[in-house]
C-alpha atoms as a PDB file:
ATOM      1  CA  MET A   1      -6.501 -13.516   8.486  1.00  0.00           C
ATOM      2  CA  GLN A   2      -4.721 -15.433   5.632  1.00  0.00           C
ATOM      3  CA  ASN A   3      -6.998 -15.710   2.742  1.00  0.00           C
ATOM      4  CA  ASP A   4      -7.356 -19.147   1.453  1.00  0.00           C
ATOM      5  CA  GLU A   5      -9.175 -19.189  -1.340  1.00  0.00           C
ATOM      6  CA  ASN A   6      -8.189 -20.176  -4.818  1.00  0.00           C
ATOM      7  CA  PRO A   7      -8.907 -17.323  -7.197  1.00  0.00           C
ATOM      8  CA  PHE A   8      -9.810 -18.517 -10.723  1.00  0.00           C
ATOM      9  CA  LEU A   9      -6.713 -17.108 -12.660  1.00  0.00           C
ATOM     10  CA  ILE A  10      -7.421 -15.112 -15.466  1.00  0.00           C
ATOM     11  CA  SER A  11      -5.335 -12.710 -17.887  1.00  0.00           C
ATOM     12  CA  THR A  12      -4.681  -8.974 -17.088  1.00  0.00           C
ATOM     13  CA  PRO A  13      -6.026  -6.960 -20.113  1.00  0.00           C
ATOM     14  CA  PRO A  14      -3.528  -4.306 -20.944  1.00  0.00           C
ATOM     15  CA  PRO A  15      -3.359  -0.848 -18.497  1.00  0.00           C
ATOM     16  CA  ALA A  16      -5.460   2.093 -20.111  1.00  0.00           C
ATOM     17  CA  PRO A  17      -3.878   4.823 -21.471  1.00  0.00           C
ATOM     18  CA  ALA A  18      -3.488   7.778 -18.084  1.00  0.00           C
ATOM     19  CA  ALA A  19      -6.311  10.382 -18.021  1.00  0.00           C
ATOM     20  CA  PRO A  20      -4.730  13.766 -17.158  1.00  0.00           C
ATOM     21  CA  ALA A  21      -5.490  14.733 -13.132  1.00  0.00           C
ATOM     22  CA  ALA A  22      -8.303  17.274 -12.912  1.00  0.00           C
ATOM     23  CA  PRO A  23      -7.760  20.346 -12.452  1.00  0.00           C
ATOM     24  CA  HIS A  24      -8.681  21.237  -8.811  1.00  0.00           C
ATOM     25  CA  GLU A  25      -8.532  24.170  -6.785  1.00  0.00           C
ATOM     26  CA  PRO A  26      -5.699  24.740  -3.937  1.00  0.00           C
ATOM     27  CA  HIS A  27      -5.491  22.786  -0.477  1.00  0.00           C
ATOM     28  CA  ASP A  28      -3.126  21.446   1.790  1.00  0.00           C
ATOM     29  CA  GLU A  29      -2.083  18.479   0.100  1.00  0.00           C
ATOM     30  CA  PRO A  30       0.018  15.877   1.587  1.00  0.00           C
ATOM     31  CA  VAL A  31       3.702  14.999   1.797  1.00  0.00           C
ATOM     32  CA  VAL A  32       5.051  12.919  -1.210  1.00  0.00           C
ATOM     33  CA  ASP A  33       8.514  11.690  -1.835  1.00  0.00           C
ATOM     34  CA  THR A  34       9.645  10.501  -5.074  1.00  0.00           C
ATOM     35  CA  GLY A  35      11.618   7.208  -5.807  1.00  0.00           C
ATOM     36  CA  THR A  36      12.797   5.158  -8.580  1.00  0.00           C
ATOM     37  CA  PHE A  37      10.231   1.653  -9.145  1.00  0.00           C
ATOM     38  CA  ILE A  38      11.525  -0.874 -10.144  1.00  0.00           C
ATOM     39  CA  THR A  39       9.089  -3.445 -12.021  1.00  0.00           C
ATOM     40  CA  LEU A  40       8.516  -6.683 -11.249  1.00  0.00           C
ATOM     41  CA  PRO A  41      10.663 -10.037 -13.106  1.00  0.00           C
ATOM     42  CA  PRO A  42       9.559 -10.281 -17.086  1.00  0.00           C
ATOM     43  CA  GLY A  43       6.727 -13.029 -16.904  1.00  0.00           C
ATOM     44  CA  ILE A  44       5.400 -12.700 -13.409  1.00  0.00           C
ATOM     45  CA  VAL A  45       1.626 -11.318 -13.228  1.00  0.00           C
ATOM     46  CA  ASP A  46      -0.715 -11.303 -10.605  1.00  0.00           C
ATOM     47  CA  SER A  47      -3.099 -12.829 -12.933  1.00  0.00           C
ATOM     48  CA  GLY A  48      -5.868 -12.988  -9.957  1.00  0.00           C
ATOM     49  CA  THR A  49      -6.441 -10.097  -9.413  1.00  0.00           C
ATOM     50  CA  LEU A  50      -9.645  -8.277 -11.429  1.00  0.00           C
ATOM     51  CA  ARG A  51      -9.012  -4.895 -13.115  1.00  0.00           C
ATOM     52  CA  VAL A  52     -11.896  -2.195 -11.840  1.00  0.00           C
ATOM     53  CA  SER A  53     -13.847  -1.215 -15.667  1.00  0.00           C
ATOM     54  CA  ALA A  54     -14.702   2.389 -14.234  1.00  0.00           C
ATOM     55  CA  PRO A  55     -11.758   3.847 -12.081  1.00  0.00           C
ATOM     56  CA  ARG A  56     -11.895   6.952 -10.326  1.00  0.00           C
ATOM     57  CA  VAL A  57     -11.221  10.284 -12.849  1.00  0.00           C
ATOM     58  CA  GLU A  58     -11.616  13.052 -10.591  1.00  0.00           C
ATOM     59  CA  ARG A  59      -7.877  13.061  -8.776  1.00  0.00           C
ATOM     60  CA  VAL A  60      -5.489  15.099  -7.352  1.00  0.00           C
ATOM     61  CA  ALA A  61      -1.776  13.917  -8.964  1.00  0.00           C
ATOM     62  CA  THR A  62       0.558  13.898  -5.730  1.00  0.00           C
ATOM     63  CA  PRO A  63       3.538  16.047  -6.294  1.00  0.00           C
ATOM     64  CA  ALA A  64       7.078  15.942  -5.747  1.00  0.00           C
ATOM     65  CA  ALA A  65       8.966  15.573  -3.719  1.00  0.00           C
ATOM     66  CA  GLU A  66      12.256  17.412  -2.670  1.00  0.00           C
ATOM     67  CA  ALA A  67      14.659  14.992  -0.593  1.00  0.00           C
ATOM     68  CA  GLY A  68      14.413  11.574   0.270  1.00  0.00           C
ATOM     69  CA  GLU A  69      14.275   8.349  -2.383  1.00  0.00           C
ATOM     70  CA  ILE A  70      12.223   5.724  -1.733  1.00  0.00           C
ATOM     71  CA  VAL A  71      13.344   2.469  -3.851  1.00  0.00           C
ATOM     72  CA  PHE A  72      10.541   0.142  -4.858  1.00  0.00           C
ATOM     73  CA  PHE A  73      11.520  -3.537  -5.128  1.00  0.00           C
ATOM     74  CA  PRO A  74       9.898  -6.499  -7.148  1.00  0.00           C
ATOM     75  CA  VAL A  75       7.560  -9.049  -5.385  1.00  0.00           C
ATOM     76  CA  VAL A  76       7.727 -12.127  -6.100  1.00  0.00           C
ATOM     77  CA  PRO A  77       3.378 -13.669  -5.594  1.00  0.00           C
ATOM     78  CA  GLY A  78       3.739 -16.871  -3.628  1.00  0.00           C
ATOM     79  CA  ILE A  79       7.240 -16.998  -2.631  1.00  0.00           C
ATOM     80  CA  PRO A  80       7.106 -14.723   1.125  1.00  0.00           C
ATOM     81  CA  VAL A  81      10.684 -14.397   2.344  1.00  0.00           C
ATOM     82  CA  ALA A  82      10.347 -15.503   6.259  1.00  0.00           C
ATOM     83  CA  ARG A  83      11.252 -13.288   8.805  1.00  0.00           C
ATOM     84  CA  ILE A  84      14.641 -12.771   9.533  1.00  0.00           C
ATOM     85  CA  ALA A  85      15.336 -12.053  13.680  1.00  0.00           C
ATOM     86  CA  ALA A  86      18.409 -10.617  14.666  1.00  0.00           C
ATOM     87  CA  GLY A  87      19.975 -10.235  17.487  1.00  0.00           C
ATOM     88  CA  PRO A  88      21.396  -6.965  19.047  1.00  0.00           C
ATOM     89  CA  THR A  89      26.059  -7.239  18.897  1.00  0.00           C
ATOM     90  CA  GLU A  90      28.257  -7.057  21.793  1.00  0.00           C
ATOM     91  CA  ASN A  91      28.335  -3.547  20.638  1.00  0.00           C
ATOM     92  CA  GLU A  92      24.938  -2.833  20.101  1.00  0.00           C
ATOM     93  CA  THR A  93      21.481  -2.725  22.043  1.00  0.00           C
ATOM     94  CA  ARG A  94      18.217  -3.230  21.494  1.00  0.00           C
ATOM     95  CA  ALA A  95      16.198   0.284  20.896  1.00  0.00           C
ATOM     96  CA  GLU A  96      12.669  -0.126  22.876  1.00  0.00           C
ATOM     97  CA  PRO A  97       9.993  -0.825  20.951  1.00  0.00           C
ATOM     98  CA  THR A  98       8.062   2.201  19.817  1.00  0.00           C
ATOM     99  CA  VAL A  99       4.079   2.858  20.471  1.00  0.00           C
ATOM    100  CA  SER A 100       2.437   3.886  17.546  1.00  0.00           C
ATOM    101  CA  ARG A 101      -1.097   5.407  17.821  1.00  0.00           C
ATOM    102  CA  TRP A 102      -1.573   4.555  13.770  1.00  0.00           C
ATOM    103  CA  ARG A 103      -4.572   1.634  13.084  1.00  0.00           C
ATOM    104  CA  ILE A 104      -6.907   0.512  10.205  1.00  0.00           C
ATOM    105  CA  ILE A 105     -10.135  -0.453  10.802  1.00  0.00           C
ATOM    106  CA  LEU A 106     -11.076  -3.606   7.799  1.00  0.00           C
ATOM    107  CA  PRO A 107     -13.846  -3.048   6.216  1.00  0.00           C
ATOM    108  CA  ARG A 108     -17.120  -5.217   6.846  1.00  0.00           C
ATOM    109  CA  SER A 109     -16.265  -6.916  10.271  1.00  0.00           C
ATOM    110  CA  GLY A 110     -14.787  -3.427  11.788  1.00  0.00           C
ATOM    111  CA  GLN A 111     -11.554  -5.529  12.756  1.00  0.00           C
ATOM    112  CA  ILE A 112      -8.817  -2.831  14.107  1.00  0.00           C
ATOM    113  CA  VAL A 113      -5.280  -2.965  12.462  1.00  0.00           C
ATOM    114  CA  PRO A 114      -2.663  -1.539  14.916  1.00  0.00           C
ATOM    115  CA  LEU A 115       0.413  -0.189  13.250  1.00  0.00           C
ATOM    116  CA  THR A 116       3.488  -0.315  15.070  1.00  0.00           C
ATOM    117  CA  GLY A 117       5.700  -0.703  11.852  1.00  0.00           C
ATOM    118  CA  ALA A 118       5.744  -1.632   8.223  1.00  0.00           C
ATOM    119  CA  LEU A 119       2.742  -4.207   6.874  1.00  0.00           C
ATOM    120  CA  TYR A 120       2.020  -5.719   3.490  1.00  0.00           C
ATOM    121  CA  ILE A 121      -1.708  -5.781   2.098  1.00  0.00           C
ATOM    122  CA  GLY A 122      -3.198  -7.919  -0.399  1.00  0.00           C
ATOM    123  CA  ARG A 123      -5.190 -11.114  -1.004  1.00  0.00           C
ATOM    124  CA  ASN A 124      -1.537 -13.235  -0.402  1.00  0.00           C
ATOM    125  CA  PRO A 125       0.655 -10.235   0.249  1.00  0.00           C
ATOM    126  CA  ALA A 126       4.450 -11.925   0.114  1.00  0.00           C
ATOM    127  CA  ARG A 127       7.743  -9.809   1.339  1.00  0.00           C
ATOM    128  CA  THR A 128       9.763  -7.595  -0.608  1.00  0.00           C
ATOM    129  CA  ALA A 129      13.830  -8.505  -0.537  1.00  0.00           C
ATOM    130  CA  GLU A 130      14.538  -5.469   1.463  1.00  0.00           C
ATOM    131  CA  ARG A 131      11.518  -5.459   4.242  1.00  0.00           C
ATOM    132  CA  GLN A 132      11.532  -9.015   5.971  1.00  0.00           C
ATOM    133  CA  ASP A 133      10.863  -8.128   9.619  1.00  0.00           C
ATOM    134  CA  ALA A 134       7.049  -6.018   7.665  1.00  0.00           C
ATOM    135  CA  GLU A 135       3.859  -7.881   9.138  1.00  0.00           C
ATOM    136  CA  LEU A 136       1.386  -9.610   6.089  1.00  0.00           C
ATOM    137  CA  LEU A 137      -2.156  -8.673   6.112  1.00  0.00           C
ATOM    138  CA  ALA A 138      -4.189 -11.317   4.014  1.00  0.00           C
ATOM    139  CA  VAL A 139      -7.827  -9.876   3.614  1.00  0.00           C
ATOM    140  CA  ASP A 140     -11.139 -11.056   2.215  1.00  0.00           C
ATOM    141  CA  ASP A 141     -11.740  -9.228  -0.753  1.00  0.00           C
ATOM    142  CA  PRO A 142     -14.613 -10.981  -2.840  1.00  0.00           C
ATOM    143  CA  ALA A 143     -14.533  -8.735  -6.049  1.00  0.00           C
ATOM    144  CA  LYS A 144     -10.988  -9.480  -5.979  1.00  0.00           C
ATOM    145  CA  SER A 145      -9.857  -5.784  -7.001  1.00  0.00           C
ATOM    146  CA  LEU A 146      -7.073  -5.740  -4.710  1.00  0.00           C
ATOM    147  CA  SER A 147      -3.738  -7.201  -5.685  1.00  0.00           C
ATOM    148  CA  LYS A 148      -1.928 -10.552  -3.929  1.00  0.00           C
ATOM    149  CA  THR A 149       0.672  -7.795  -2.403  1.00  0.00           C
ATOM    150  CA  HIS A 150      -1.445  -4.616  -3.397  1.00  0.00           C
ATOM    151  CA  ALA A 151       0.690  -2.166  -0.895  1.00  0.00           C
ATOM    152  CA  LEU A 152       3.055  -0.574   2.328  1.00  0.00           C
ATOM    153  CA  LEU A 153       2.131   0.695   5.242  1.00  0.00           C
ATOM    154  CA  GLU A 154       4.818   1.991   7.389  1.00  0.00           C
ATOM    155  CA  VAL A 155       4.993   3.817  10.554  1.00  0.00           C
ATOM    156  CA  GLU A 156       8.170   6.138  10.538  1.00  0.00           C
ATOM    157  CA  ASN A 157       8.411   9.313  13.157  1.00  0.00           C
ATOM    158  CA  ASP A 158       4.176   8.321  13.993  1.00  0.00           C
ATOM    159  CA  VAL A 159       4.105   9.721  10.052  1.00  0.00           C
ATOM    160  CA  LEU A 160       1.679   6.912   7.891  1.00  0.00           C
ATOM    161  CA  TRP A 161       3.066   6.473   4.772  1.00  0.00           C
ATOM    162  CA  VAL A 162       1.440   4.157   1.807  1.00  0.00           C
ATOM    163  CA  HIS A 163       2.944   3.063  -0.677  1.00  0.00           C
ATOM    164  CA  ASP A 164       1.531   1.376  -4.444  1.00  0.00           C
ATOM    165  CA  LEU A 165       3.152  -1.548  -4.960  1.00  0.00           C
ATOM    166  CA  ASP A 166       2.622  -1.422  -8.985  1.00  0.00           C
ATOM    167  CA  SER A 167      -1.432  -2.567  -7.806  1.00  0.00           C
ATOM    168  CA  THR A 168      -3.340  -3.422 -10.742  1.00  0.00           C
ATOM    169  CA  ASN A 169      -5.918  -1.144  -9.592  1.00  0.00           C
ATOM    170  CA  GLY A 170      -4.042   1.446  -7.789  1.00  0.00           C
ATOM    171  CA  ILE A 171      -4.478   3.832  -4.658  1.00  0.00           C
ATOM    172  CA  PHE A 172      -6.695   6.604  -3.519  1.00  0.00           C
ATOM    173  CA  ILE A 173      -6.401   8.649  -0.438  1.00  0.00           C
ATOM    174  CA  VAL A 174     -10.036   9.481  -0.103  1.00  0.00           C
ATOM    175  CA  GLU A 175      -9.290  12.462   2.853  1.00  0.00           C
ATOM    176  CA  PRO A 176     -11.512  13.975   5.664  1.00  0.00           C
ATOM    177  CA  ASP A 177     -12.270  17.223   3.120  1.00  0.00           C
ATOM    178  CA  ALA A 178     -12.936  14.625   0.787  1.00  0.00           C
ATOM    179  CA  SER A 179     -10.492  15.535  -1.602  1.00  0.00           C
ATOM    180  CA  VAL A 180      -8.629  12.545  -3.144  1.00  0.00           C
ATOM    181  CA  VAL A 181      -5.072  11.696  -3.696  1.00  0.00           C
ATOM    182  CA  ASP A 182      -3.998   9.226  -6.642  1.00  0.00           C
ATOM    183  CA  VAL A 183      -0.943   7.518  -5.295  1.00  0.00           C
ATOM    184  CA  GLU A 184       1.606   7.205  -7.432  1.00  0.00           C
ATOM    185  CA  PRO A 185       3.546   3.481  -7.811  1.00  0.00           C
ATOM    186  CA  GLY A 186       7.112   4.619  -7.005  1.00  0.00           C
ATOM    187  CA  ARG A 187       6.421   7.237  -4.798  1.00  0.00           C
ATOM    188  CA  ARG A 188       5.465   6.778  -0.900  1.00  0.00           C
ATOM    189  CA  ALA A 189       2.424   9.421   0.250  1.00  0.00           C
ATOM    190  CA  ALA A 190       1.625  10.512   3.490  1.00  0.00           C
ATOM    191  CA  VAL A 191      -1.574   9.481   5.414  1.00  0.00           C
ATOM    192  CA  PRO A 192      -4.007  11.385   7.052  1.00  0.00           C
ATOM    193  CA  ALA A 193      -6.272  10.569  10.518  1.00  0.00           C
ATOM    194  CA  GLY A 194      -9.231   9.907   9.806  1.00  0.00           C
ATOM    195  CA  ALA A 195      -8.376   9.078   5.792  1.00  0.00           C
ATOM    196  CA  GLU A 196      -9.968   6.237   3.451  1.00  0.00           C
ATOM    197  CA  LEU A 197      -7.427   3.916   1.194  1.00  0.00           C
ATOM    198  CA  GLU A 198      -8.802   2.737  -1.613  1.00  0.00           C
ATOM    199  CA  LEU A 199      -7.279  -0.152  -2.602  1.00  0.00           C
ATOM    200  CA  GLY A 200      -9.248  -1.224  -5.705  1.00  0.00           C
ATOM    201  CA  GLU A 201     -12.589  -1.288  -4.239  1.00  0.00           C
ATOM    202  CA  TYR A 202     -10.864  -2.216  -0.862  1.00  0.00           C
ATOM    203  CA  ILE A 203     -11.263   0.640   1.748  1.00  0.00           C
ATOM    204  CA  VAL A 204      -9.739   0.548   5.399  1.00  0.00           C
ATOM    205  CA  ARG A 205      -9.499   3.255   7.081  1.00  0.00           C
ATOM    206  CA  ALA A 206      -6.485   5.382   8.673  1.00  0.00           C
ATOM    207  CA  GLU A 207      -7.711   6.567  12.288  1.00  0.00           C
ATOM    208  CA  HIS A 208      -4.495   8.026  14.679  1.00  0.00           C
ATOM    209  CA  GLY A 209      -5.139   8.940  19.002  1.00  0.00           C
END
């Protein structure tokens, strides 16, 4: 599903000051991990992404995690990293592949994308140096609210996690009970089954089972 569209390049306006999280009623919040965010090198910008004029205001701030750091690495747009296929060493045996029960449903087409490991999603995604084994999913976003490499989805111990890769318009998890969680860059957040992921204005549904 490679997007062959050549977007018009425009300068990205400076980000608006972050609004404070609105008060909310206690509820079961998703699990998140904190981590150190490594920014893109100076001069590397995703100039083809249009900033959403009216982002969400009512949201639940992602709580801090108690353990496990998730470190992010810069993405260089337009320079995909080739997958490295390494066989088992003499003293190792290849583990049987894990069958994942997670999948995402793409808007408009209704295409089902199984999630069996790690997946980068965006208009023209590229792998980071640390996740060369991840799949790439390029999607058609006419609104261009989706960054070129917007998010990383990964299944770990049958839990679906989402990372915001410093995207222009952010990621929101809309849970089945209609509560909304703002996924902060530098953290990963667990996605409950039946939730919707708002990647800018591009919305996918996460299903399990």
